[in-house]
Amino acid sequence: MFDRNLNPGGYIELADKCFPMLSDDGSMKPDSALQQWSNFSVDGLDQVGRSLTAASLYKQHLEEAGFINVVETRYKWPTNTWPKDPKFKQLGEGNLRMPFEV
């Protein structure tokens, strides 16, 4: 499929969220409701043949499909306004509004 839709030297860009949810500062404890929900969501969708962890395999899948020079860049994406860093606080604020406000 890619060979019919991409020219040599072209590129493909994928973006997706990664599960299970993580905290980089240890503030989300393993027994927290949010961590449990995240884990249950991953397990439940796995049981019906869907995956919330597929994004972690995108690089591998692209390389297996024949893409070269595959670059994977991961970004932190806060879900609320708790971060102290202004940049991440703003990202988290935007995440809280989506998709309810345009």
PDB file of N, CA and C in Angstrom:
ATOM      1  N   MET A   1       0.817  -1.185   0.000  1.00  0.00           N
ATOM      2  CA  MET A   1       0.000   0.000   0.000  1.00  0.00           C
ATOM      3  C   MET A   1       0.867   1.258   0.000  1.00  0.00           C
ATOM      4  N   PHE A   2       1.904   1.313   0.850  1.00  0.00           N
ATOM      5  CA  PHE A   2       2.729   2.509   0.909  1.00  0.00           C
ATOM      6  C   PHE A   2       3.418   2.781  -0.421  1.00  0.00           C
ATOM      7  N   ASP A   3       3.814   1.724  -1.113  1.00  0.00           N
ATOM      8  CA  ASP A   3       4.549   1.921  -2.355  1.00  0.00           C
ATOM      9  C   ASP A   3       3.689   2.572  -3.437  1.00  0.00           C
ATOM     10  N   ARG A   4       2.369   2.517  -3.321  1.00  0.00           N
ATOM     11  CA  ARG A   4       1.481   3.161  -4.295  1.00  0.00           C
ATOM     12  C   ARG A   4       1.186   4.611  -3.917  1.00  0.00           C
ATOM     13  N   ASN A   5       1.475   4.991  -2.676  1.00  0.00           N
ATOM     14  CA  ASN A   5       1.067   6.304  -2.200  1.00  0.00           C
ATOM     15  C   ASN A   5       2.209   7.203  -1.760  1.00  0.00           C
ATOM     16  N   LEU A   6       3.417   6.697  -1.736  1.00  0.00           N
ATOM     17  CA  LEU A   6       4.575   7.512  -1.363  1.00  0.00           C
ATOM     18  C   LEU A   6       5.622   7.448  -2.467  1.00  0.00           C
ATOM     19  N   ASN A   7       6.235   8.584  -2.730  1.00  0.00           N
ATOM     20  CA  ASN A   7       7.325   8.628  -3.690  1.00  0.00           C
ATOM     21  C   ASN A   7       8.633   8.374  -2.973  1.00  0.00           C
ATOM     22  N   PRO A   8       9.658   7.874  -3.688  1.00  0.00           N
ATOM     23  CA  PRO A   8      10.968   7.733  -3.064  1.00  0.00           C
ATOM     24  C   PRO A   8      11.405   9.068  -2.472  1.00  0.00           C
ATOM     25  N   GLY A   9      11.943   9.019  -1.272  1.00  0.00           N
ATOM     26  CA  GLY A   9      12.364  10.232  -0.585  1.00  0.00           C
ATOM     27  C   GLY A   9      11.249  10.877   0.218  1.00  0.00           C
ATOM     28  N   GLY A  10      10.035  10.364   0.079  1.00  0.00           N
ATOM     29  CA  GLY A  10       8.908  10.907   0.838  1.00  0.00           C
ATOM     30  C   GLY A  10       8.947  10.408   2.271  1.00  0.00           C
ATOM     31  N   TYR A  11       7.975  10.832   3.047  1.00  0.00           N
ATOM     32  CA  TYR A  11       7.950  10.394   4.439  1.00  0.00           C
ATOM     33  C   TYR A  11       6.518  10.211   4.909  1.00  0.00           C
ATOM     34  N   ILE A  12       6.387   9.499   5.979  1.00  0.00           N
ATOM     35  CA  ILE A  12       5.102   9.293   6.631  1.00  0.00           C
ATOM     36  C   ILE A  12       5.269   9.723   8.081  1.00  0.00           C
ATOM     37  N   GLU A  13       4.244  10.339   8.633  1.00  0.00           N
ATOM     38  CA  GLU A  13       4.295  10.777  10.025  1.00  0.00           C
ATOM     39  C   GLU A  13       3.105  10.174  10.760  1.00  0.00           C
ATOM     40  N   LEU A  14       3.368   9.575  11.886  1.00  0.00           N
ATOM     41  CA  LEU A  14       2.321   8.988  12.715  1.00  0.00           C
ATOM     42  C   LEU A  14       2.352   9.654  14.078  1.00  0.00           C
ATOM     43  N   ALA A  15       1.198   9.865  14.655  1.00  0.00           N
ATOM     44  CA  ALA A  15       1.109  10.425  16.005  1.00  0.00           C
ATOM     45  C   ALA A  15       0.002   9.692  16.737  1.00  0.00           C
ATOM     46  N   ASP A  16       0.255   9.319  17.959  1.00  0.00           N
ATOM     47  CA  ASP A  16      -0.730   8.575  18.729  1.00  0.00           C
ATOM     48  C   ASP A  16      -0.390   8.683  20.202  1.00  0.00           C
ATOM     49  N   LYS A  17      -1.340   8.405  21.028  1.00  0.00           N
ATOM     50  CA  LYS A  17      -1.070   8.380  22.465  1.00  0.00           C
ATOM     51  C   LYS A  17      -0.598   6.996  22.874  1.00  0.00           C
ATOM     52  N   CYS A  18       0.154   6.937  23.953  1.00  0.00           N
ATOM     53  CA  CYS A  18       0.707   5.671  24.431  1.00  0.00           C
ATOM     54  C   CYS A  18       0.054   5.274  25.752  1.00  0.00           C
ATOM     55  N   PHE A  19      -0.263   4.047  25.865  1.00  0.00           N
ATOM     56  CA  PHE A  19      -0.800   3.458  27.102  1.00  0.00           C
ATOM     57  C   PHE A  19       0.087   2.311  27.494  1.00  0.00           C
ATOM     58  N   PRO A  20       0.121   1.928  28.753  1.00  0.00           N
ATOM     59  CA  PRO A  20      -0.602   2.518  29.869  1.00  0.00           C
ATOM     60  C   PRO A  20      -0.056   3.892  30.219  1.00  0.00           C
ATOM     61  N   MET A  21      -0.884   4.682  30.901  1.00  0.00           N
ATOM     62  CA  MET A  21      -0.487   6.027  31.298  1.00  0.00           C
ATOM     63  C   MET A  21       0.691   5.948  32.263  1.00  0.00           C
ATOM     64  N   LEU A  22       1.541   6.972  32.207  1.00  0.00           N
ATOM     65  CA  LEU A  22       2.730   7.028  33.062  1.00  0.00           C
ATOM     66  C   LEU A  22       2.853   8.399  33.695  1.00  0.00           C
ATOM     67  N   SER A  23       3.552   8.461  34.801  1.00  0.00           N
ATOM     68  CA  SER A  23       3.944   9.761  35.359  1.00  0.00           C
ATOM     69  C   SER A  23       5.459   9.761  35.458  1.00  0.00           C
ATOM     70  N   ASP A  24       6.063  10.873  35.095  1.00  0.00           N
ATOM     71  CA  ASP A  24       7.521  10.941  35.102  1.00  0.00           C
ATOM     72  C   ASP A  24       8.082  11.324  36.463  1.00  0.00           C
ATOM     73  N   ASP A  25       7.203  11.653  37.410  1.00  0.00           N
ATOM     74  CA  ASP A  25       7.684  12.070  38.723  1.00  0.00           C
ATOM     75  C   ASP A  25       7.222  11.147  39.849  1.00  0.00           C
ATOM     76  N   GLY A  26       6.604  10.032  39.485  1.00  0.00           N
ATOM     77  CA  GLY A  26       6.167   9.076  40.492  1.00  0.00           C
ATOM     78  C   GLY A  26       4.898   9.468  41.223  1.00  0.00           C
ATOM     79  N   SER A  27       4.228  10.525  40.773  1.00  0.00           N
ATOM     80  CA  SER A  27       3.036  11.000  41.481  1.00  0.00           C
ATOM     81  C   SER A  27       1.817  10.117  41.238  1.00  0.00           C
ATOM     82  N   MET A  28       1.807   9.331  40.166  1.00  0.00           N
ATOM     83  CA  MET A  28       0.690   8.419  39.924  1.00  0.00           C
ATOM     84  C   MET A  28       1.079   7.054  40.474  1.00  0.00           C
ATOM     85  N   LYS A  29       0.532   6.738  41.601  1.00  0.00           N
ATOM     86  CA  LYS A  29       0.871   5.495  42.294  1.00  0.00           C
ATOM     87  C   LYS A  29       0.220   4.298  41.597  1.00  0.00           C
ATOM     88  N   PRO A  30       0.831   3.108  41.697  1.00  0.00           N
ATOM     89  CA  PRO A  30       0.292   1.909  41.031  1.00  0.00           C
ATOM     90  C   PRO A  30      -1.139   1.570  41.461  1.00  0.00           C
ATOM     91  N   ASP A  31      -1.513   1.942  42.688  1.00  0.00           N
ATOM     92  CA  ASP A  31      -2.858   1.606  43.148  1.00  0.00           C
ATOM     93  C   ASP A  31      -3.847   2.767  42.980  1.00  0.00           C
ATOM     94  N   SER A  32      -3.431   3.836  42.283  1.00  0.00           N
ATOM     95  CA  SER A  32      -4.340   4.968  42.081  1.00  0.00           C
ATOM     96  C   SER A  32      -5.457   4.566  41.116  1.00  0.00           C
ATOM     97  N   ALA A  33      -6.588   5.238  41.232  1.00  0.00           N
ATOM     98  CA  ALA A  33      -7.733   4.947  40.368  1.00  0.00           C
ATOM     99  C   ALA A  33      -7.383   5.169  38.900  1.00  0.00           C
ATOM    100  N   LEU A  34      -6.637   6.227  38.606  1.00  0.00           N
ATOM    101  CA  LEU A  34      -6.274   6.513  37.220  1.00  0.00           C
ATOM    102  C   LEU A  34      -5.360   5.432  36.647  1.00  0.00           C
ATOM    103  N   GLN A  35      -4.381   4.983  37.438  1.00  0.00           N
ATOM    104  CA  GLN A  35      -3.487   3.927  36.954  1.00  0.00           C
ATOM    105  C   GLN A  35      -4.255   2.624  36.753  1.00  0.00           C
ATOM    106  N   GLN A  36      -5.156   2.317  37.664  1.00  0.00           N
ATOM    107  CA  GLN A  36      -5.962   1.103  37.520  1.00  0.00           C
ATOM    108  C   GLN A  36      -6.847   1.189  36.280  1.00  0.00           C
ATOM    109  N   TRP A  37      -7.476   2.350  36.055  1.00  0.00           N
ATOM    110  CA  TRP A  37      -8.311   2.523  34.858  1.00  0.00           C
ATOM    111  C   TRP A  37      -7.479   2.320  33.596  1.00  0.00           C
ATOM    112  N   SER A  38      -6.281   2.913  33.577  1.00  0.00           N
ATOM    113  CA  SER A  38      -5.401   2.782  32.428  1.00  0.00           C
ATOM    114  C   SER A  38      -5.062   1.315  32.166  1.00  0.00           C
ATOM    115  N   ASN A  39      -4.689   0.606  33.222  1.00  0.00           N
ATOM    116  CA  ASN A  39      -4.340  -0.815  33.075  1.00  0.00           C
ATOM    117  C   ASN A  39      -5.541  -1.653  32.650  1.00  0.00           C
ATOM    118  N   PHE A  40      -6.715  -1.390  33.243  1.00  0.00           N
ATOM    119  CA  PHE A  40      -7.929  -2.127  32.870  1.00  0.00           C
ATOM    120  C   PHE A  40      -8.292  -1.856  31.409  1.00  0.00           C
ATOM    121  N   SER A  41      -8.106  -0.628  30.966  1.00  0.00           N
ATOM    122  CA  SER A  41      -8.403  -0.285  29.571  1.00  0.00           C
ATOM    123  C   SER A  41      -7.509  -1.067  28.614  1.00  0.00           C
ATOM    124  N   VAL A  42      -6.213  -1.124  28.921  1.00  0.00           N
ATOM    125  CA  VAL A  42      -5.267  -1.878  28.089  1.00  0.00           C
ATOM    126  C   VAL A  42      -5.667  -3.355  28.069  1.00  0.00           C
ATOM    127  N   ASP A  43      -5.889  -3.939  29.241  1.00  0.00           N
ATOM    128  CA  ASP A  43      -6.236  -5.361  29.335  1.00  0.00           C
ATOM    129  C   ASP A  43      -7.554  -5.674  28.640  1.00  0.00           C
ATOM    130  N   GLY A  44      -8.560  -4.837  28.869  1.00  0.00           N
ATOM    131  CA  GLY A  44      -9.874  -5.087  28.270  1.00  0.00           C
ATOM    132  C   GLY A  44      -9.846  -5.035  26.756  1.00  0.00           C
ATOM    133  N   LEU A  45      -9.162  -4.051  26.206  1.00  0.00           N
ATOM    134  CA  LEU A  45      -9.091  -3.961  24.750  1.00  0.00           C
ATOM    135  C   LEU A  45      -8.235  -5.072  24.162  1.00  0.00           C
ATOM    136  N   ASP A  46      -7.199  -5.489  24.867  1.00  0.00           N
ATOM    137  CA  ASP A  46      -6.418  -6.645  24.413  1.00  0.00           C
ATOM    138  C   ASP A  46      -7.309  -7.880  24.300  1.00  0.00           C
ATOM    139  N   GLN A  47      -8.219  -8.049  25.253  1.00  0.00           N
ATOM    140  CA  GLN A  47      -9.099  -9.221  25.269  1.00  0.00           C
ATOM    141  C   GLN A  47     -10.059  -9.258  24.085  1.00  0.00           C
ATOM    142  N   VAL A  48     -10.393  -8.111  23.520  1.00  0.00           N
ATOM    143  CA  VAL A  48     -11.286  -8.091  22.360  1.00  0.00           C
ATOM    144  C   VAL A  48     -10.524  -7.869  21.051  1.00  0.00           C
ATOM    145  N   GLY A  49      -9.200  -8.029  21.118  1.00  0.00           N
ATOM    146  CA  GLY A  49      -8.394  -7.962  19.905  1.00  0.00           C
ATOM    147  C   GLY A  49      -8.027  -6.566  19.438  1.00  0.00           C
ATOM    148  N   ARG A  50      -8.127  -5.581  20.306  1.00  0.00           N
ATOM    149  CA  ARG A  50      -7.727  -4.208  19.982  1.00  0.00           C
ATOM    150  C   ARG A  50      -6.550  -3.837  20.880  1.00  0.00           C
ATOM    151  N   SER A  51      -5.798  -2.851  20.499  1.00  0.00           N
ATOM    152  CA  SER A  51      -4.614  -2.520  21.282  1.00  0.00           C
ATOM    153  C   SER A  51      -4.527  -1.023  21.580  1.00  0.00           C
ATOM    154  N   LEU A  52      -4.273  -0.716  22.838  1.00  0.00           N
ATOM    155  CA  LEU A  52      -3.971   0.656  23.226  1.00  0.00           C
ATOM    156  C   LEU A  52      -2.465   0.879  23.292  1.00  0.00           C
ATOM    157  N   THR A  53      -1.690  -0.165  23.072  1.00  0.00           N
ATOM    158  CA  THR A  53      -0.238  -0.051  23.155  1.00  0.00           C
ATOM    159  C   THR A  53       0.423  -0.105  21.770  1.00  0.00           C
ATOM    160  N   ALA A  54      -0.376  -0.060  20.709  1.00  0.00           N
ATOM    161  CA  ALA A  54       0.149  -0.199  19.348  1.00  0.00           C
ATOM    162  C   ALA A  54       1.181   0.866  18.997  1.00  0.00           C
ATOM    163  N   ALA A  55       1.039   2.071  19.551  1.00  0.00           N
ATOM    164  CA  ALA A  55       1.968   3.147  19.204  1.00  0.00           C
ATOM    165  C   ALA A  55       3.413   2.790  19.544  1.00  0.00           C
ATOM    166  N   SER A  56       3.591   1.964  20.554  1.00  0.00           N
ATOM    167  CA  SER A  56       4.950   1.578  20.941  1.00  0.00           C
ATOM    168  C   SER A  56       5.613   0.685  19.884  1.00  0.00           C
ATOM    169  N   LEU A  57       4.835   0.199  18.919  1.00  0.00           N
ATOM    170  CA  LEU A  57       5.376  -0.680  17.875  1.00  0.00           C
ATOM    171  C   LEU A  57       5.450  -0.013  16.497  1.00  0.00           C
ATOM    172  N   TYR A  58       5.049   1.243  16.394  1.00  0.00           N
ATOM    173  CA  TYR A  58       5.026   1.911  15.087  1.00  0.00           C
ATOM    174  C   TYR A  58       6.385   1.881  14.402  1.00  0.00           C
ATOM    175  N   LYS A  59       7.449   2.212  15.129  1.00  0.00           N
ATOM    176  CA  LYS A  59       8.785   2.239  14.518  1.00  0.00           C
ATOM    177  C   LYS A  59       9.149   0.861  13.966  1.00  0.00           C
ATOM    178  N   GLN A  60       8.941  -0.160  14.771  1.00  0.00           N
ATOM    179  CA  GLN A  60       9.243  -1.528  14.340  1.00  0.00           C
ATOM    180  C   GLN A  60       8.420  -1.903  13.109  1.00  0.00           C
ATOM    181  N   HIS A  61       7.143  -1.576  13.110  1.00  0.00           N
ATOM    182  CA  HIS A  61       6.282  -1.924  11.978  1.00  0.00           C
ATOM    183  C   HIS A  61       6.704  -1.188  10.705  1.00  0.00           C
ATOM    184  N   LEU A  62       7.082   0.067  10.823  1.00  0.00           N
ATOM    185  CA  LEU A  62       7.532   0.808   9.640  1.00  0.00           C
ATOM    186  C   LEU A  62       8.819   0.221   9.080  1.00  0.00           C
ATOM    187  N   GLU A  63       9.751  -0.146   9.954  1.00  0.00           N
ATOM    188  CA  GLU A  63      10.995  -0.769   9.496  1.00  0.00           C
ATOM    189  C   GLU A  63      10.714  -2.114   8.842  1.00  0.00           C
ATOM    190  N   GLU A  64       9.803  -2.891   9.401  1.00  0.00           N
ATOM    191  CA  GLU A  64       9.443  -4.181   8.802  1.00  0.00           C
ATOM    192  C   GLU A  64       8.770  -3.996   7.436  1.00  0.00           C
ATOM    193  N   ALA A  65       8.111  -2.853   7.242  1.00  0.00           N
ATOM    194  CA  ALA A  65       7.466  -2.563   5.962  1.00  0.00           C
ATOM    195  C   ALA A  65       8.454  -2.036   4.928  1.00  0.00           C
ATOM    196  N   GLY A  66       9.721  -1.825   5.344  1.00  0.00           N
ATOM    197  CA  GLY A  66      10.742  -1.401   4.395  1.00  0.00           C
ATOM    198  C   GLY A  66      11.164   0.052   4.498  1.00  0.00           C
ATOM    199  N   PHE A  67      10.611   0.795   5.427  1.00  0.00           N
ATOM    200  CA  PHE A  67      11.039   2.185   5.594  1.00  0.00           C
ATOM    201  C   PHE A  67      12.449   2.208   6.176  1.00  0.00           C
ATOM    202  N   ILE A  68      13.214   3.203   5.776  1.00  0.00           N
ATOM    203  CA  ILE A  68      14.574   3.362   6.299  1.00  0.00           C
ATOM    204  C   ILE A  68      14.671   4.711   7.002  1.00  0.00           C
ATOM    205  N   ASN A  69      15.705   4.859   7.813  1.00  0.00           N
ATOM    206  CA  ASN A  69      15.920   6.102   8.559  1.00  0.00           C
ATOM    207  C   ASN A  69      14.688   6.482   9.385  1.00  0.00           C
ATOM    208  N   VAL A  70      14.067   5.494  10.005  1.00  0.00           N
ATOM    209  CA  VAL A  70      12.884   5.744  10.818  1.00  0.00           C
ATOM    210  C   VAL A  70      13.310   6.417  12.124  1.00  0.00           C
ATOM    211  N   VAL A  71      12.682   7.522  12.430  1.00  0.00           N
ATOM    212  CA  VAL A  71      12.980   8.274  13.638  1.00  0.00           C
ATOM    213  C   VAL A  71      11.735   8.269  14.523  1.00  0.00           C
ATOM    214  N   GLU A  72      11.936   7.914  15.770  1.00  0.00           N
ATOM    215  CA  GLU A  72      10.839   7.948  16.733  1.00  0.00           C
ATOM    216  C   GLU A  72      11.135   9.034  17.757  1.00  0.00           C
ATOM    217  N   THR A  73      10.191   9.940  17.937  1.00  0.00           N
ATOM    218  CA  THR A  73      10.324  11.004  18.917  1.00  0.00           C
ATOM    219  C   THR A  73       9.130  10.925  19.852  1.00  0.00           C
ATOM    220  N   ARG A  74       9.407  10.793  21.127  1.00  0.00           N
ATOM    221  CA  ARG A  74       8.336  10.728  22.125  1.00  0.00           C
ATOM    222  C   ARG A  74       8.253  12.057  22.865  1.00  0.00           C
ATOM    223  N   TYR A  75       7.028  12.465  23.127  1.00  0.00           N
ATOM    224  CA  TYR A  75       6.780  13.709  23.843  1.00  0.00           C
ATOM    225  C   TYR A  75       5.935  13.436  25.075  1.00  0.00           C
ATOM    226  N   LYS A  76       6.196  14.189  26.121  1.00  0.00           N
ATOM    227  CA  LYS A  76       5.317  14.163  27.285  1.00  0.00           C
ATOM    228  C   LYS A  76       4.090  14.996  26.943  1.00  0.00           C
ATOM    229  N   TRP A  77       2.912  14.490  27.322  1.00  0.00           N
ATOM    230  CA  TRP A  77       1.688  15.222  27.053  1.00  0.00           C
ATOM    231  C   TRP A  77       0.821  15.187  28.302  1.00  0.00           C
ATOM    232  N   PRO A  78       0.886  16.230  29.123  1.00  0.00           N
ATOM    233  CA  PRO A  78       0.125  16.233  30.366  1.00  0.00           C
ATOM    234  C   PRO A  78      -1.389  16.228  30.118  1.00  0.00           C
ATOM    235  N   THR A  79      -2.123  15.674  31.051  1.00  0.00           N
ATOM    236  CA  THR A  79      -3.576  15.581  30.934  1.00  0.00           C
ATOM    237  C   THR A  79      -4.293  16.593  31.809  1.00  0.00           C
ATOM    238  N   ASN A  80      -3.543  17.477  32.467  1.00  0.00           N
ATOM    239  CA  ASN A  80      -4.154  18.446  33.373  1.00  0.00           C
ATOM    240  C   ASN A  80      -3.189  19.617  33.563  1.00  0.00           C
ATOM    241  N   THR A  81      -3.549  20.529  34.453  1.00  0.00           N
ATOM    242  CA  THR A  81      -2.735  21.737  34.666  1.00  0.00           C
ATOM    243  C   THR A  81      -1.808  21.611  35.868  1.00  0.00           C
ATOM    244  N   TRP A  82      -1.548  20.419  36.328  1.00  0.00           N
ATOM    245  CA  TRP A  82      -0.702  20.213  37.496  1.00  0.00           C
ATOM    246  C   TRP A  82       0.777  20.496  37.273  1.00  0.00           C
ATOM    247  N   PRO A  83       1.321  20.317  36.057  1.00  0.00           N
ATOM    248  CA  PRO A  83       2.762  20.540  35.900  1.00  0.00           C
ATOM    249  C   PRO A  83       3.178  21.944  36.339  1.00  0.00           C
ATOM    250  N   LYS A  84       4.363  22.037  36.905  1.00  0.00           N
ATOM    251  CA  LYS A  84       4.903  23.332  37.320  1.00  0.00           C
ATOM    252  C   LYS A  84       5.497  24.084  36.131  1.00  0.00           C
ATOM    253  N   ASP A  85       6.064  23.349  35.182  1.00  0.00           N
ATOM    254  CA  ASP A  85       6.658  23.964  33.999  1.00  0.00           C
ATOM    255  C   ASP A  85       5.545  24.643  33.179  1.00  0.00           C
ATOM    256  N   PRO A  86       5.681  25.935  32.873  1.00  0.00           N
ATOM    257  CA  PRO A  86       4.627  26.656  32.142  1.00  0.00           C
ATOM    258  C   PRO A  86       4.248  26.019  30.806  1.00  0.00           C
ATOM    259  N   LYS A  87       5.240  25.493  30.088  1.00  0.00           N
ATOM    260  CA  LYS A  87       4.953  24.854  28.794  1.00  0.00           C
ATOM    261  C   LYS A  87       4.035  23.657  28.980  1.00  0.00           C
ATOM    262  N   PHE A  88       4.356  22.790  29.943  1.00  0.00           N
ATOM    263  CA  PHE A  88       3.546  21.596  30.162  1.00  0.00           C
ATOM    264  C   PHE A  88       2.210  21.933  30.811  1.00  0.00           C
ATOM    265  N   LYS A  89       2.176  22.988  31.608  1.00  0.00           N
ATOM    266  CA  LYS A  89       0.917  23.454  32.195  1.00  0.00           C
ATOM    267  C   LYS A  89      -0.039  23.885  31.079  1.00  0.00           C
ATOM    268  N   GLN A  90       0.495  24.614  30.077  1.00  0.00           N
ATOM    269  CA  GLN A  90      -0.321  25.063  28.954  1.00  0.00           C
ATOM    270  C   GLN A  90      -0.806  23.879  28.116  1.00  0.00           C
ATOM    271  N   LEU A  91       0.069  22.908  27.871  1.00  0.00           N
ATOM    272  CA  LEU A  91      -0.346  21.707  27.131  1.00  0.00           C
ATOM    273  C   LEU A  91      -1.455  20.978  27.875  1.00  0.00           C
ATOM    274  N   GLY A  92      -1.302  20.838  29.181  1.00  0.00           N
ATOM    275  CA  GLY A  92      -2.310  20.170  29.983  1.00  0.00           C
ATOM    276  C   GLY A  92      -3.632  20.908  29.960  1.00  0.00           C
ATOM    277  N   GLU A  93      -3.583  22.233  29.990  1.00  0.00           N
ATOM    278  CA  GLU A  93      -4.806  23.033  29.935  1.00  0.00           C
ATOM    279  C   GLU A  93      -5.527  22.805  28.607  1.00  0.00           C
ATOM    280  N   GLY A  94      -4.781  22.782  27.540  1.00  0.00           N
ATOM    281  CA  GLY A  94      -5.379  22.516  26.229  1.00  0.00           C
ATOM    282  C   GLY A  94      -5.988  21.132  26.153  1.00  0.00           C
ATOM    283  N   ASN A  95      -5.344  20.174  26.781  1.00  0.00           N
ATOM    284  CA  ASN A  95      -5.861  18.807  26.787  1.00  0.00           C
ATOM    285  C   ASN A  95      -7.191  18.726  27.536  1.00  0.00           C
ATOM    286  N   LEU A  96      -7.342  19.514  28.587  1.00  0.00           N
ATOM    287  CA  LEU A  96      -8.587  19.507  29.354  1.00  0.00           C
ATOM    288  C   LEU A  96      -9.754  20.049  28.537  1.00  0.00           C
ATOM    289  N   ARG A  97      -9.499  20.973  27.638  1.00  0.00           N
ATOM    290  CA  ARG A  97     -10.568  21.587  26.841  1.00  0.00           C
ATOM    291  C   ARG A  97     -10.987  20.731  25.666  1.00  0.00           C
ATOM    292  N   MET A  98     -10.099  19.910  25.147  1.00  0.00           N
ATOM    293  CA  MET A  98     -10.405  19.130  23.960  1.00  0.00           C
ATOM    294  C   MET A  98     -11.266  17.945  24.330  1.00  0.00           C
ATOM    295  N   PRO A  99     -12.170  17.495  23.544  1.00  0.00           N
ATOM    296  CA  PRO A  99     -12.715  18.101  22.312  1.00  0.00           C
ATOM    297  C   PRO A  99     -13.942  18.949  22.590  1.00  0.00           C
ATOM    298  N   PHE A 100     -14.173  19.306  23.813  1.00  0.00           N
ATOM    299  CA  PHE A 100     -15.423  19.947  24.186  1.00  0.00           C
ATOM    300  C   PHE A 100     -15.523  21.399  23.770  1.00  0.00           C
ATOM    301  N   GLU A 101     -14.405  22.099  23.681  1.00  0.00           N
ATOM    302  CA  GLU A 101     -14.405  23.473  23.242  1.00  0.00           C
ATOM    303  C   GLU A 101     -13.620  23.592  21.948  1.00  0.00           C
ATOM    304  N   VAL A 102     -14.100  24.374  21.072  1.00  0.00           N
ATOM    305  CA  VAL A 102     -13.410  24.573  19.792  1.00  0.00           C
ATOM    306  C   VAL A 102     -12.757  25.920  19.758  1.00  0.00           C
TER     307      VAL A 102
END
